[in-house]
Protein backbone atom coordinates (compact mmCIF):
# COMPACT_ATOMS: atom_id res chain seq x y z
CA MET A 1 56.90 117.12 73.24
CA GLN A 2 57.55 117.97 76.87
CA LEU A 3 55.75 114.80 77.98
CA GLU A 4 57.83 112.72 75.58
CA TYR A 5 61.00 114.28 76.96
CA LEU A 6 59.98 113.52 80.55
CA PHE A 7 59.13 109.94 79.60
CA ILE A 8 62.52 109.39 77.95
CA LYS A 9 64.30 110.99 80.92
CA ALA A 10 62.41 108.74 83.36
CA PHE A 11 63.16 105.68 81.23
CA ILE A 12 66.88 106.48 81.17
CA SER A 13 66.85 107.00 84.95
CA ILE A 14 65.22 103.60 85.50
CA ILE A 15 67.70 101.86 83.19
CA SER A 16 70.54 103.65 84.98
CA MET A 17 69.23 102.53 88.38
CA LEU A 18 68.88 98.94 87.19
CA TYR A 19 72.40 99.04 85.78
CA CYS A 20 73.76 100.38 89.07
CA CYS A 21 71.91 97.70 91.01
CA GLU A 22 73.37 95.07 88.70
CA MET A 23 76.85 96.45 89.27
CA ALA A 24 76.41 96.78 93.04
CA HIS A 25 78.44 94.42 95.18
CA SER A 26 76.49 92.40 97.74
CA LEU A 27 77.60 91.74 101.31
CA ASN A 28 75.19 88.86 101.83
CA GLY A 29 77.03 85.79 103.11
CA LYS A 30 80.43 87.50 103.24
CA VAL A 31 83.06 87.14 105.96
CA ALA A 32 84.40 90.49 107.14
CA LEU A 33 87.23 91.64 109.39
CA VAL A 34 87.25 95.11 110.98
CA THR A 35 90.25 96.56 112.82
CA GLY A 36 89.55 99.02 115.62
CA GLY A 37 86.03 97.63 115.58
CA ALA A 38 85.07 97.81 119.26
CA SER A 39 83.88 101.43 119.30
CA GLY A 40 83.28 104.55 117.24
CA ILE A 41 83.09 104.27 113.46
CA GLY A 42 84.45 100.72 113.64
CA ALA A 43 81.58 99.46 115.80
CA CYS A 44 79.02 101.26 113.62
CA THR A 45 80.57 99.64 110.56
CA VAL A 46 80.23 96.22 112.22
CA ARG A 47 76.54 96.89 112.90
CA SER A 48 75.97 98.06 109.33
CA LEU A 49 77.69 94.95 107.95
CA LEU A 50 75.38 92.72 109.99
CA GLU A 51 72.35 94.60 108.72
CA GLU A 52 73.52 93.72 105.20
CA GLY A 53 73.48 90.01 105.97
CA VAL A 54 77.16 89.17 106.28
CA LYS A 55 77.92 85.65 107.40
CA HIS A 56 80.44 86.65 110.06
CA VAL A 57 82.35 89.68 111.36
CA ALA A 58 85.67 89.50 113.20
CA VAL A 59 86.24 92.52 115.43
CA LEU A 60 89.90 93.32 116.15
CA ASP A 61 90.73 95.81 118.89
CA VAL A 62 92.91 96.39 121.97
CA GLU A 63 89.86 97.43 124.02
CA VAL A 64 88.91 94.06 125.49
CA ASP A 65 85.92 95.09 127.61
CA ALA A 66 84.32 97.09 124.80
CA GLY A 67 85.06 94.34 122.28
CA ILE A 68 83.53 91.53 124.34
CA ALA A 69 80.50 93.65 125.21
CA LEU A 70 79.91 94.39 121.52
CA GLN A 71 80.37 90.73 120.59
CA ASN A 72 77.81 89.59 123.18
CA GLU A 73 75.31 92.31 122.28
CA LEU A 74 75.42 91.61 118.55
CA ASN A 75 75.41 87.82 118.86
CA THR A 76 72.27 88.12 120.97
CA LYS A 77 70.65 90.36 118.36
CA TYR A 78 71.80 88.73 115.10
CA GLY A 79 72.45 85.13 116.06
CA GLU A 80 75.07 82.99 117.71
CA ASN A 81 78.65 83.27 116.40
CA LYS A 82 77.86 86.12 114.03
CA VAL A 83 80.55 88.22 115.70
CA THR A 84 83.91 87.20 117.13
CA PHE A 85 86.03 89.61 119.13
CA ILE A 86 89.81 89.12 118.92
CA GLU A 87 92.13 91.11 121.13
CA CYS A 88 94.70 92.52 118.74
CA ASP A 89 97.30 95.26 118.73
CA VAL A 90 97.52 96.04 115.01
CA THR A 91 101.06 97.38 115.41
CA ASN A 92 102.24 93.90 116.42
CA LYS A 93 102.88 91.89 113.24
CA GLU A 94 102.58 88.47 114.87
CA THR A 95 99.35 89.37 116.65
CA LEU A 96 97.80 90.83 113.51
CA VAL A 97 98.74 87.91 111.26
CA GLY A 98 97.59 85.51 113.98
CA ALA A 99 94.18 87.20 114.05
CA PHE A 100 93.87 86.89 110.27
CA ASN A 101 94.80 83.21 110.42
CA ALA A 102 92.27 82.56 113.19
CA VAL A 103 89.47 84.14 111.16
CA GLN A 104 90.45 82.15 108.08
CA LYS A 105 90.59 78.92 110.06
CA GLN A 106 87.15 79.55 111.57
CA ASN A 107 85.41 80.72 108.38
CA GLY A 108 87.49 79.37 105.52
CA TYR A 109 87.99 82.74 103.85
CA ILE A 110 87.94 86.52 104.39
CA ASP A 111 85.99 88.50 101.80
CA VAL A 112 86.15 92.01 103.24
CA VAL A 113 88.80 93.76 105.33
CA VAL A 114 88.05 97.18 106.82
CA ASN A 115 91.19 98.89 108.12
CA ASN A 116 89.67 101.34 110.58
CA ALA A 117 92.12 101.36 113.51
CA GLY A 118 93.55 104.82 114.04
CA ILE A 119 94.45 107.46 116.61
CA LEU A 120 95.03 111.21 116.70
CA ASP A 121 98.12 111.98 118.76
CA ASP A 122 100.61 114.45 117.29
CA THR A 123 102.49 115.00 120.55
CA PRO A 124 106.30 114.69 120.29
CA GLU A 125 106.40 111.71 122.61
CA ASN A 126 103.71 109.73 120.77
CA PHE A 127 103.77 110.69 117.09
CA GLU A 128 105.60 107.48 116.13
CA ARG A 129 102.70 105.50 117.56
CA THR A 130 100.34 107.54 115.39
CA ILE A 131 102.36 106.58 112.31
CA ASN A 132 102.55 102.92 113.37
CA ILE A 133 98.80 102.58 113.91
CA ASN A 134 97.45 104.86 111.19
CA LEU A 135 99.85 103.92 108.40
CA THR A 136 102.31 101.08 108.98
CA SER A 137 99.79 98.63 110.43
CA LEU A 138 97.26 99.55 107.74
CA ILE A 139 99.81 98.80 105.03
CA ARG A 140 100.70 95.51 106.70
CA SER A 141 97.05 94.50 106.99
CA SER A 142 96.34 95.54 103.40
CA LEU A 143 99.28 93.65 101.93
CA TYR A 144 98.45 90.51 103.91
CA SER A 145 94.78 90.74 102.86
CA TRP A 146 95.79 91.39 99.26
CA LYS A 147 98.04 88.35 99.27
CA ILE A 148 95.43 85.90 100.60
CA MET A 149 92.68 87.30 98.35
CA HIS A 150 94.80 87.54 95.18
CA LYS A 151 93.33 85.36 92.42
CA GLU A 152 96.76 84.50 91.00
CA LYS A 153 97.94 83.42 94.46
CA GLY A 154 95.09 81.03 95.20
CA GLY A 155 92.51 83.52 96.45
CA SER A 156 89.04 84.36 95.20
CA GLY A 157 89.30 88.13 95.18
CA GLY A 158 87.80 90.44 97.78
CA THR A 159 87.62 94.00 99.04
CA ILE A 160 89.87 96.12 101.25
CA ILE A 161 88.49 99.39 102.60
CA ASN A 162 91.10 101.71 104.09
CA PHE A 163 90.11 104.60 106.32
CA SER A 164 91.67 107.95 105.54
CA SER A 165 90.25 111.35 106.52
CA VAL A 166 89.43 114.79 105.16
CA ALA A 167 92.86 115.56 106.63
CA GLY A 168 94.17 113.45 103.75
CA LEU A 169 92.50 115.81 101.29
CA LEU A 170 92.95 119.19 102.99
CA LYS A 171 95.57 120.95 105.13
CA PHE A 172 95.17 120.97 108.93
CA GLU A 173 98.12 122.84 110.42
CA ALA A 174 97.26 121.78 113.99
CA ILE A 175 97.70 118.08 113.15
CA PRO A 176 100.57 117.81 110.63
CA ILE A 177 101.53 114.25 111.57
CA TYR A 178 98.00 112.86 111.63
CA SER A 179 97.41 114.60 108.29
CA ALA A 180 100.60 113.05 106.90
CA THR A 181 99.46 109.54 107.85
CA LYS A 182 96.01 109.98 106.34
CA THR A 183 97.45 111.45 103.13
CA ALA A 184 99.82 108.49 102.93
CA VAL A 185 96.90 106.06 103.41
CA LEU A 186 95.03 107.72 100.55
CA LYS A 187 98.02 107.50 98.20
CA PHE A 188 98.79 103.89 99.14
CA SER A 189 95.18 102.81 98.62
CA THR A 190 94.74 104.43 95.22
CA CYS A 191 98.01 102.92 94.01
CA LEU A 192 97.30 99.40 95.33
CA GLY A 193 93.76 99.54 94.00
CA ASP A 194 94.72 100.71 90.53
CA GLU A 195 93.34 98.74 87.58
CA THR A 196 96.89 97.53 86.85
CA HIS A 197 96.72 95.46 90.04
CA TYR A 198 92.98 94.86 90.26
CA SER A 199 92.81 93.24 86.81
CA ARG A 200 95.15 90.51 88.04
CA SER A 201 94.33 90.27 91.75
CA GLY A 202 90.55 90.66 91.77
CA VAL A 203 91.01 92.64 94.99
CA ARG A 204 89.23 95.99 95.18
CA VAL A 205 90.94 98.59 97.33
CA LEU A 206 88.82 101.60 98.36
CA ALA A 207 89.68 104.68 100.40
CA MET A 208 87.19 106.33 102.80
CA CYS A 209 87.77 109.94 103.84
CA PHE A 210 85.72 110.85 106.91
CA GLY A 211 84.82 114.35 107.95
CA VAL A 212 84.80 115.35 111.61
CA THR A 213 82.89 112.54 113.31
CA ASP A 214 81.62 112.36 116.87
CA THR A 215 84.02 109.73 118.21
CA PRO A 216 86.43 109.53 121.18
CA ILE A 217 89.22 110.82 118.91
CA LEU A 218 87.87 114.37 119.41
CA GLU A 219 87.87 114.32 123.19
CA ASN A 220 91.36 115.58 123.96
CA ASN A 221 92.86 118.66 122.26
CA THR A 222 96.10 118.16 124.23
CA LYS A 223 97.04 115.51 121.67
CA LEU A 224 97.26 118.09 118.91
CA PHE A 225 100.70 119.15 117.67
CA ASP A 226 100.22 122.76 118.68
CA GLU A 227 97.35 123.65 120.99
CA THR A 228 97.66 127.34 120.16
CA ALA A 229 96.85 126.49 116.54
CA ALA A 230 94.19 123.99 117.54
CA ILE A 231 91.38 123.25 115.19
CA ASN A 232 88.03 124.34 116.52
CA PHE A 233 86.15 121.20 115.60
CA LYS A 234 82.90 123.01 116.35
CA GLU A 235 83.41 124.95 113.12
CA PHE A 236 82.70 121.72 111.30
CA LYS A 237 79.34 120.02 111.29
CA LEU A 238 79.89 116.85 113.29
CA GLN A 239 78.54 113.71 111.76
CA ARG A 240 77.31 110.73 113.71
CA PRO A 241 79.42 107.55 113.59
CA GLU A 242 76.29 105.75 112.37
CA SER A 243 76.38 107.91 109.23
CA ALA A 244 80.02 107.01 108.72
CA GLY A 245 79.21 103.31 109.10
CA LYS A 246 76.46 103.54 106.48
CA ALA A 247 78.85 105.36 104.14
CA VAL A 248 81.25 102.42 104.34
CA ILE A 249 78.48 100.11 103.14
CA GLU A 250 77.61 102.41 100.25
CA ALA A 251 81.25 102.61 99.19
CA TYR A 252 81.50 98.82 99.32
CA LYS A 253 78.40 98.37 97.18
CA GLN A 254 79.17 100.97 94.52
CA GLY A 255 82.90 101.64 94.65
CA THR A 256 85.29 100.65 91.90
CA SER A 257 88.81 99.69 92.88
CA ALA A 258 91.02 102.71 93.68
CA SER A 259 87.96 104.89 94.21
CA VAL A 260 87.95 107.61 96.87
CA TRP A 261 84.86 108.23 98.98
CA LEU A 262 83.92 111.11 101.25
CA SER A 263 81.65 110.77 104.28
CA ASN A 264 80.94 114.15 105.81
CA ALA A 265 78.26 115.99 107.83
CA ASP A 266 75.77 113.09 107.86
CA GLU A 267 75.43 113.33 104.07
CA PRO A 268 75.28 110.21 101.88
CA ALA A 269 78.64 108.79 100.82
CA LEU A 270 80.09 110.74 97.92
CA ASP A 271 82.41 109.32 95.26
CA VAL A 272 85.15 111.95 94.81
CA THR A 273 87.47 109.82 92.70
CA LYS A 274 87.30 112.17 89.72
CA ASP A 275 88.14 115.14 91.93
CA HIS A 276 91.06 113.26 93.43
CA SER A 277 92.36 112.39 89.96
CA LYS A 278 91.88 115.99 88.87
CA SER A 279 93.99 117.19 91.79
CA MET A 280 96.89 115.08 90.51
CA GLU A 281 96.39 116.05 86.87
CA SER A 282 97.28 119.63 87.86
CA TYR A 283 100.94 118.58 87.84
CA TYR A 284 101.07 116.70 84.53
CA GLN A 285 102.31 119.76 82.66
CA TYR A 286 105.37 119.87 84.91
CA LEU A 287 106.14 116.18 84.98
CA TYR A 288 105.40 114.81 81.53
CA CYS A 289 105.47 117.60 78.92
CA PHE A 290 107.43 120.68 79.91
CA LYS A 291 106.64 123.20 77.15
CA SER A 292 109.52 124.63 75.13
CA LEU A 293 108.26 128.17 75.62
CA LEU A 294 108.47 127.85 79.39
CA GLU A 295 111.85 126.14 79.12
CA LYS A 296 113.21 129.07 77.14
CA ALA A 297 111.73 131.71 79.43
CA ALA A 298 112.79 130.03 82.68
CA ALA A 299 116.37 129.66 81.42
CA GLU A 300 116.78 133.41 81.23
CA GLU A 301 117.91 135.15 84.37
CA GLU A 302 115.51 138.09 84.02
CA ALA A 303 112.61 137.48 81.63
CA PRO A 304 110.33 140.45 80.95
CA ALA A 305 106.83 140.35 82.34
CA ALA A 306 105.39 140.26 78.81
CA GLU A 307 107.18 136.99 78.14
CA ALA A 308 105.95 135.60 81.44
CA ALA A 309 102.41 136.46 80.38
CA ALA A 310 102.99 134.67 77.08
CA VAL A 311 104.06 131.55 78.95
CA VAL A 312 100.96 131.64 81.11
CA GLU A 313 98.72 132.14 78.09
CA ALA A 314 100.39 129.25 76.25
CA LEU A 315 99.94 126.85 79.13
CA GLY A 316 96.50 127.94 80.26
CA SER A 317 95.04 129.64 83.31
CA SER A 318 95.76 126.64 85.53
CA SER A 319 99.45 127.47 85.18
CA SER A 320 99.23 131.09 86.26
CA ASN A 321 101.61 130.44 89.12
CA ILE A 322 104.41 129.72 86.66
CA SER A 323 105.05 133.41 86.23
CA SER A 324 106.70 133.25 89.63
CA ILE A 325 109.33 130.97 88.12
CA VAL A 326 110.15 133.44 85.38
CA VAL A 327 109.99 136.64 87.39
CA CYS A 328 112.19 136.02 90.39
CA SER A 329 110.98 136.92 93.84
CA LYS A 330 112.46 140.06 95.37
CA MET A 331 113.14 138.17 98.59
CA SER A 332 116.26 136.04 98.54
CA TYR A 333 117.94 134.20 101.41
CA SER A 334 121.72 133.93 101.60
CA LEU A 335 123.67 130.82 102.58
CA ASN A 336 126.82 132.77 103.37
CA GLY A 337 128.16 131.84 106.82
CA LYS A 338 125.38 129.35 107.59
CA ILE A 339 125.79 126.07 109.46
CA VAL A 340 124.03 123.24 107.63
CA LEU A 341 123.05 119.64 108.40
CA VAL A 342 122.33 117.24 105.53
CA THR A 343 121.03 113.68 105.98
CA GLY A 344 121.81 110.99 103.41
CA ALA A 345 124.79 113.13 102.41
CA ALA A 346 127.46 110.58 101.46
CA SER A 347 126.29 109.94 97.90
CA GLY A 348 123.73 110.84 95.25
CA ILE A 349 121.76 114.06 95.60
CA GLY A 350 122.94 114.58 99.17
CA ALA A 351 126.63 114.58 98.23
CA SER A 352 125.99 116.97 95.36
CA VAL A 353 124.03 119.29 97.67
CA VAL A 354 127.02 119.41 100.04
CA LYS A 355 129.31 120.47 97.17
CA PHE A 356 126.96 123.22 96.01
CA LEU A 357 126.57 124.46 99.58
CA LEU A 358 130.33 124.93 99.75
CA HIS A 359 130.16 127.03 96.58
CA GLU A 360 127.67 129.24 98.45
CA ASN A 361 130.29 129.84 101.17
CA VAL A 362 128.50 128.20 104.08
CA GLN A 363 130.47 128.17 107.32
CA ARG A 364 130.17 124.48 108.20
CA ILE A 365 128.38 121.37 106.95
CA ALA A 366 127.50 118.29 108.99
CA MET A 367 127.05 115.25 106.75
CA LEU A 368 124.91 112.46 108.20
CA ASP A 369 124.88 109.06 106.54
CA VAL A 370 124.90 105.37 107.43
CA SER A 371 127.73 104.71 104.93
CA GLU A 372 130.89 105.47 106.88
CA GLU A 373 133.34 104.68 104.09
CA ALA A 374 131.65 106.94 101.52
CA GLY A 375 131.02 109.65 104.11
CA LYS A 376 134.60 109.88 105.33
CA ALA A 377 135.94 109.76 101.78
CA LEU A 378 133.75 112.71 100.77
CA GLN A 379 134.64 114.61 103.95
CA ASN A 380 138.37 114.19 103.28
CA GLU A 381 138.03 115.08 99.59
CA LEU A 382 136.13 118.29 100.26
CA ASN A 383 138.22 119.43 103.22
CA SER A 384 141.34 118.88 101.13
CA LYS A 385 139.88 120.82 98.20
CA TYR A 386 138.75 123.77 100.28
CA ASN A 387 141.79 123.75 102.60
CA ASN A 388 139.76 123.81 105.79
CA ASN A 389 137.56 121.69 108.03
CA LYS A 390 134.27 122.94 106.70
CA VAL A 391 132.84 119.43 106.34
CA THR A 392 132.25 117.03 109.24
CA PHE A 393 130.95 113.52 108.65
CA VAL A 394 128.83 111.90 111.37
CA LYS A 395 127.87 108.27 110.95
CA CYS A 396 124.14 108.07 111.60
CA ASP A 397 121.27 105.71 110.93
CA VAL A 398 118.40 108.20 110.67
CA ALA A 399 115.88 105.39 111.20
CA ASP A 400 117.26 105.02 114.74
CA LYS A 401 115.72 107.90 116.70
CA GLU A 402 118.32 107.86 119.48
CA ASN A 403 121.15 107.74 116.95
CA LEU A 404 119.67 110.68 115.03
CA LEU A 405 119.12 112.86 118.10
CA GLN A 406 122.62 112.02 119.36
CA ALA A 407 124.02 113.18 116.02
CA TYR A 408 122.19 116.49 116.48
CA LYS A 409 123.72 116.84 119.94
CA VAL A 410 127.23 116.18 118.65
CA ILE A 411 126.80 118.79 115.92
CA ASN A 412 125.35 121.40 118.29
CA ASP A 413 128.15 120.81 120.80
CA GLU A 414 131.04 120.71 118.32
CA ILE A 415 129.92 123.04 115.53
CA GLY A 416 127.24 125.31 116.93
CA TYR A 417 123.79 126.53 116.02
CA ILE A 418 122.26 124.85 112.98
CA ASP A 419 120.71 127.31 110.51
CA LEU A 420 119.57 124.87 107.83
CA VAL A 421 118.53 121.21 107.91
CA ILE A 422 118.08 119.26 104.67
CA ASN A 423 116.27 115.97 105.25
CA ASN A 424 117.41 114.09 102.16
CA ALA A 425 117.90 110.50 103.38
CA GLY A 426 115.59 108.06 101.64
CA ILE A 427 115.30 104.63 100.06
CA LEU A 428 113.07 102.92 97.52
CA ASP A 429 112.27 99.41 98.73
CA ASP A 430 108.65 98.27 98.77
CA SER A 431 109.63 94.62 99.15
CA PRO A 432 107.83 92.65 101.91
CA ASN A 433 110.92 92.39 104.10
CA SER A 434 112.00 96.01 103.83
CA TYR A 435 109.00 98.32 103.53
CA MET A 436 108.94 99.03 107.27
CA THR A 437 112.52 100.30 107.04
CA GLU A 438 111.42 102.39 104.07
CA ILE A 439 108.63 103.98 106.14
CA ASN A 440 111.03 104.65 109.02
CA ILE A 441 113.67 106.28 106.82
CA ASN A 442 111.47 108.15 104.36
CA LEU A 443 108.79 109.41 106.73
CA VAL A 444 109.43 108.79 110.43
CA SER A 445 113.02 110.06 110.37
CA VAL A 446 112.02 113.16 108.39
CA ILE A 447 109.40 114.00 111.00
CA THR A 448 111.78 113.23 113.89
CA SER A 449 114.53 115.40 112.41
CA SER A 450 112.12 118.20 111.46
CA LEU A 451 110.51 118.39 114.89
CA HIS A 452 113.87 118.40 116.68
CA ALA A 453 115.24 121.11 114.39
CA TRP A 454 111.99 123.10 114.59
CA ASN A 455 112.03 123.11 118.39
CA THR A 456 115.71 124.08 118.48
CA MET A 457 115.27 126.91 115.96
CA HIS A 458 111.87 128.13 117.28
CA LYS A 459 112.11 131.80 118.25
CA GLU A 460 109.65 131.41 121.13
CA LYS A 461 111.75 128.56 122.52
CA GLY A 462 115.11 130.34 122.52
CA GLY A 463 116.08 129.77 118.90
CA LYS A 464 116.95 132.24 116.14
CA GLY A 465 114.79 130.82 113.39
CA GLY A 466 116.07 128.82 110.45
CA THR A 467 115.10 126.66 107.51
CA ILE A 468 114.17 123.00 107.05
CA ILE A 469 114.03 121.54 103.54
CA ASN A 470 112.30 118.16 103.30
CA VAL A 471 112.81 115.96 100.26
CA SER A 472 109.72 114.41 98.73
CA SER A 473 109.17 113.10 95.20
CA VAL A 474 106.95 113.60 92.17
CA VAL A 475 105.24 110.34 93.19
CA ALA A 476 103.52 112.43 95.87
CA LEU A 477 101.98 114.59 93.14
CA THR A 478 101.06 111.95 90.59
CA LYS A 479 100.38 108.20 90.75
CA ILE A 480 103.11 105.58 90.22
CA VAL A 481 101.04 102.51 91.00
CA ASN A 482 103.83 99.94 91.32
CA VAL A 483 105.51 101.63 94.29
CA PRO A 484 102.51 102.24 96.59
CA ILE A 485 104.49 102.31 99.85
CA TYR A 486 107.26 104.58 98.59
CA SER A 487 104.54 106.83 97.16
CA ALA A 488 102.75 106.83 100.51
CA THR A 489 105.87 107.90 102.40
CA LYS A 490 106.62 110.75 100.02
CA SER A 491 102.99 111.91 100.12
CA GLY A 492 103.23 111.95 103.89
CA VAL A 493 106.39 114.08 103.76
CA LEU A 494 104.68 116.58 101.46
CA LYS A 495 101.59 116.95 103.65
CA PHE A 496 103.61 117.14 106.88
CA SER A 497 105.90 119.81 105.45
CA THR A 498 103.15 122.04 104.07
CA SER A 499 101.20 121.75 107.33
CA LEU A 500 104.19 122.52 109.58
CA GLY A 501 105.30 125.27 107.21
CA ASN A 502 101.92 126.99 107.40
CA HIS A 503 102.08 130.74 108.08
CA LEU A 504 100.45 130.27 111.50
CA HIS A 505 103.46 128.26 112.64
CA TYR A 506 106.05 130.30 110.74
CA SER A 507 104.82 133.62 112.15
CA ARG A 508 105.65 132.39 115.65
CA SER A 509 108.59 130.06 115.08
CA GLY A 510 110.58 131.89 112.42
CA VAL A 511 111.34 128.48 110.93
CA ARG A 512 110.73 128.07 107.21
CA ILE A 513 109.63 124.60 106.12
CA ILE A 514 110.03 123.94 102.40
CA CYS A 515 109.28 120.76 100.47
CA ILE A 516 111.03 119.82 97.23
CA CYS A 517 109.73 117.02 95.00
CA PHE A 518 112.36 115.39 92.82
CA GLY A 519 111.62 113.76 89.51
CA VAL A 520 113.48 110.65 88.38
CA THR A 521 117.11 111.36 89.23
CA ASN A 522 120.22 109.36 88.38
CA THR A 523 120.96 108.02 91.87
CA PRO A 524 121.45 104.54 93.38
CA LEU A 525 117.67 104.45 94.01
CA LEU A 526 117.15 103.64 90.33
CA ARG A 527 119.06 100.40 90.81
CA ASN A 528 116.41 99.26 93.29
CA LEU A 529 113.41 99.18 90.96
CA HIS A 530 113.25 95.41 91.44
CA ASN A 531 112.57 95.94 95.16
CA ILE A 532 108.81 96.31 94.79
CA PHE A 533 105.89 94.80 96.65
CA ASP A 534 104.83 92.69 93.65
CA THR A 535 107.85 91.43 91.71
CA SER A 536 105.68 90.27 88.81
CA ALA A 537 104.94 93.95 88.12
CA GLU A 538 108.62 94.88 87.67
CA PRO A 539 108.33 95.20 83.85
CA LEU A 540 105.32 97.49 84.31
CA LEU A 541 107.29 99.77 86.63
CA ALA A 542 110.18 99.91 84.17
CA GLU A 543 107.74 100.92 81.44
CA GLU A 544 106.11 103.49 83.72
CA MET A 545 109.45 105.12 84.49
CA LYS A 546 110.02 105.77 80.78
CA LYS A 547 107.43 108.55 81.00
CA PHE A 548 109.99 110.61 82.89
CA ARG A 549 113.26 112.08 81.70
CA THR A 550 116.06 111.24 84.13
CA GLN A 551 117.84 114.25 85.58
CA SER A 552 121.37 114.54 86.97
CA VAL A 553 122.10 114.78 90.69
CA ASP A 554 123.68 118.17 90.09
CA SER A 555 120.42 119.52 88.66
CA ALA A 556 118.59 118.27 91.75
CA ALA A 557 121.21 119.81 94.05
CA LYS A 558 121.02 123.18 92.28
CA ALA A 559 117.26 123.06 92.78
CA VAL A 560 117.74 122.63 96.53
CA ILE A 561 119.91 125.76 96.63
CA GLU A 562 117.30 127.69 94.63
CA THR A 563 114.45 126.62 96.92
CA TYR A 564 116.45 127.79 99.93
CA LYS A 565 117.08 131.18 98.36
CA GLN A 566 113.57 131.82 97.05
CA GLY A 567 111.14 129.55 98.89
CA ALA A 568 108.50 130.81 101.28
CA SER A 569 107.58 128.68 104.27
CA GLY A 570 105.05 126.04 103.29
CA SER A 571 106.05 126.23 99.63
CA VAL A 572 106.26 123.23 97.30
CA TRP A 573 108.90 122.94 94.61
CA ILE A 574 109.54 120.53 91.74
CA SER A 575 112.93 119.57 90.33
CA THR A 576 112.67 117.39 87.25
CA SER A 577 114.20 116.76 83.81
CA ASP A 578 117.26 118.97 84.46
CA LYS A 579 115.03 122.06 84.45
CA PRO A 580 115.31 124.97 86.89
CA ALA A 581 113.49 124.54 90.19
CA MET A 582 109.78 125.36 89.89
CA ASP A 583 107.60 126.79 92.64
CA VAL A 584 104.28 124.91 92.31
CA THR A 585 102.76 126.06 95.60
CA ASN A 586 99.76 127.70 93.93
CA THR A 587 99.04 124.53 91.98
CA TYR A 588 99.35 122.49 95.17
CA ASP A 589 96.95 124.78 97.03
CA LYS A 590 94.44 124.68 94.18
CA SER A 591 94.59 120.89 94.07
CA ILE A 592 93.56 120.87 97.73
CA GLU A 593 90.89 123.54 97.30
CA ILE A 594 89.04 121.17 94.96
CA PHE A 595 87.65 119.48 98.07
CA ASP A 596 86.79 122.62 100.07
CA ASP A 597 83.17 122.80 98.98
CA TYR A 598 82.53 119.20 99.97
CA VAL A 599 83.95 119.60 103.45
CA TYR A 600 83.17 123.17 104.51
CA ASN A 601 79.84 123.88 102.78
């Protein structure tokens, strides 16, 4: 009997192996393009591709000497014209597109694009470059690749492999901006690679998350956001770049579109797609089916602990944090007499937040918005209603760094110390001509504003402490596949906020950082659902949005006030379906802890 069992088990294993081999994608004869390919993981990926018999590899990099040396070395080893080095700054659109066109002209087609180019530099003077290289250029390269490979647009399909990091899965408080970019890459890749798109495009999109790898990126700790909170990379088992390069090949061969792969500690590549999906499923109870029992309990001002326990039992152990919604925290922050700055304040949620702040008896409010007419009208209306000059409108394009910082200066000079900053400005526009503006408004400006406010408020830098509330979205917690860029920006905001709000920073700065994720809210953003990266998918997005109940702007604004009063630094809140604000920090932390064993053990 035992022998029969072993025979059957062996037979099943063989069939399984044969099936996997049949499903495996081959690199033989393919044309590949690798960004940042002159050194580190990129160069090791190029070598691994050649070992798999690719027809040609184009190496894009700004490091000319290293790129030419690699080209000459590999052409000598593998044959003439196997490798072509192209000097390319991936942040320059014309240069990047020109490189793609040159490779297509030389080889007829591009089968595989590996978006590897990236840097780690969270310093205030260079963080925008980190975002441009790690995220914006990767999105540009991916969308261009996707377009030329798309089967319905004349292509023959293909594969895009985007490099994220374990920083996209976990929290690293010393590198909040780098972490934000890698989290955004992960979200973008899983949305673009979703079956909804793959079934039509024939383009696989995979995400690689690398553990700490022995590359030049580790050489300089002065490029961390906060050296005093610096990661001791020696605590992690360093992997060799060769192992990372081999992991890329394994992901290519076995990965389904939208899959997430981990390469860590010289171990074989690991498919963690199910774990990644599980981390998002943690939020489904909040977003799609809010239970009536919880709704009833949360609506009461002071629910007894027994009722809170009943709610937890009804929703399951994974929802144990919900008791914190029902039983209010003893700590509460007052808005009385505070000076507040709100971006995107002339309409929608921002305008409603301003009105509710006035009900809380704040001392002054600075409203920042690009819409001068709406901003001045609201300023005049509210100052007339409250018989004072509590509200000051400042015209400001938050995507313009100089304009934003000048607005801060005006407010500090004319009004005084800012106690609370609410970074609310945002747009939804994934269209090819506007997504860069979307990234700049939704992510770059939030980081710019947060860092400026954080430094001004920081107790060790002469400040008195304060609070920053950053607006994200439920798309950062779940997957809305037809707005991959918008989703990426909001995921970046969430990761940045929770990293900067970490207790290690808060204990020294006295600055609370809170992130609130809004559900579908009745704002002008909903009129822009046609502004998506693939217009043919507009009906699919409209259908997807029906899963959510639209909430009023007043409900969202009330939630902002509640998060200010009750939120701890680093906390994550949800406001959806006209329900009271919900603290989902425990759920967020647990969704990240799913990956701890893979990375740390």
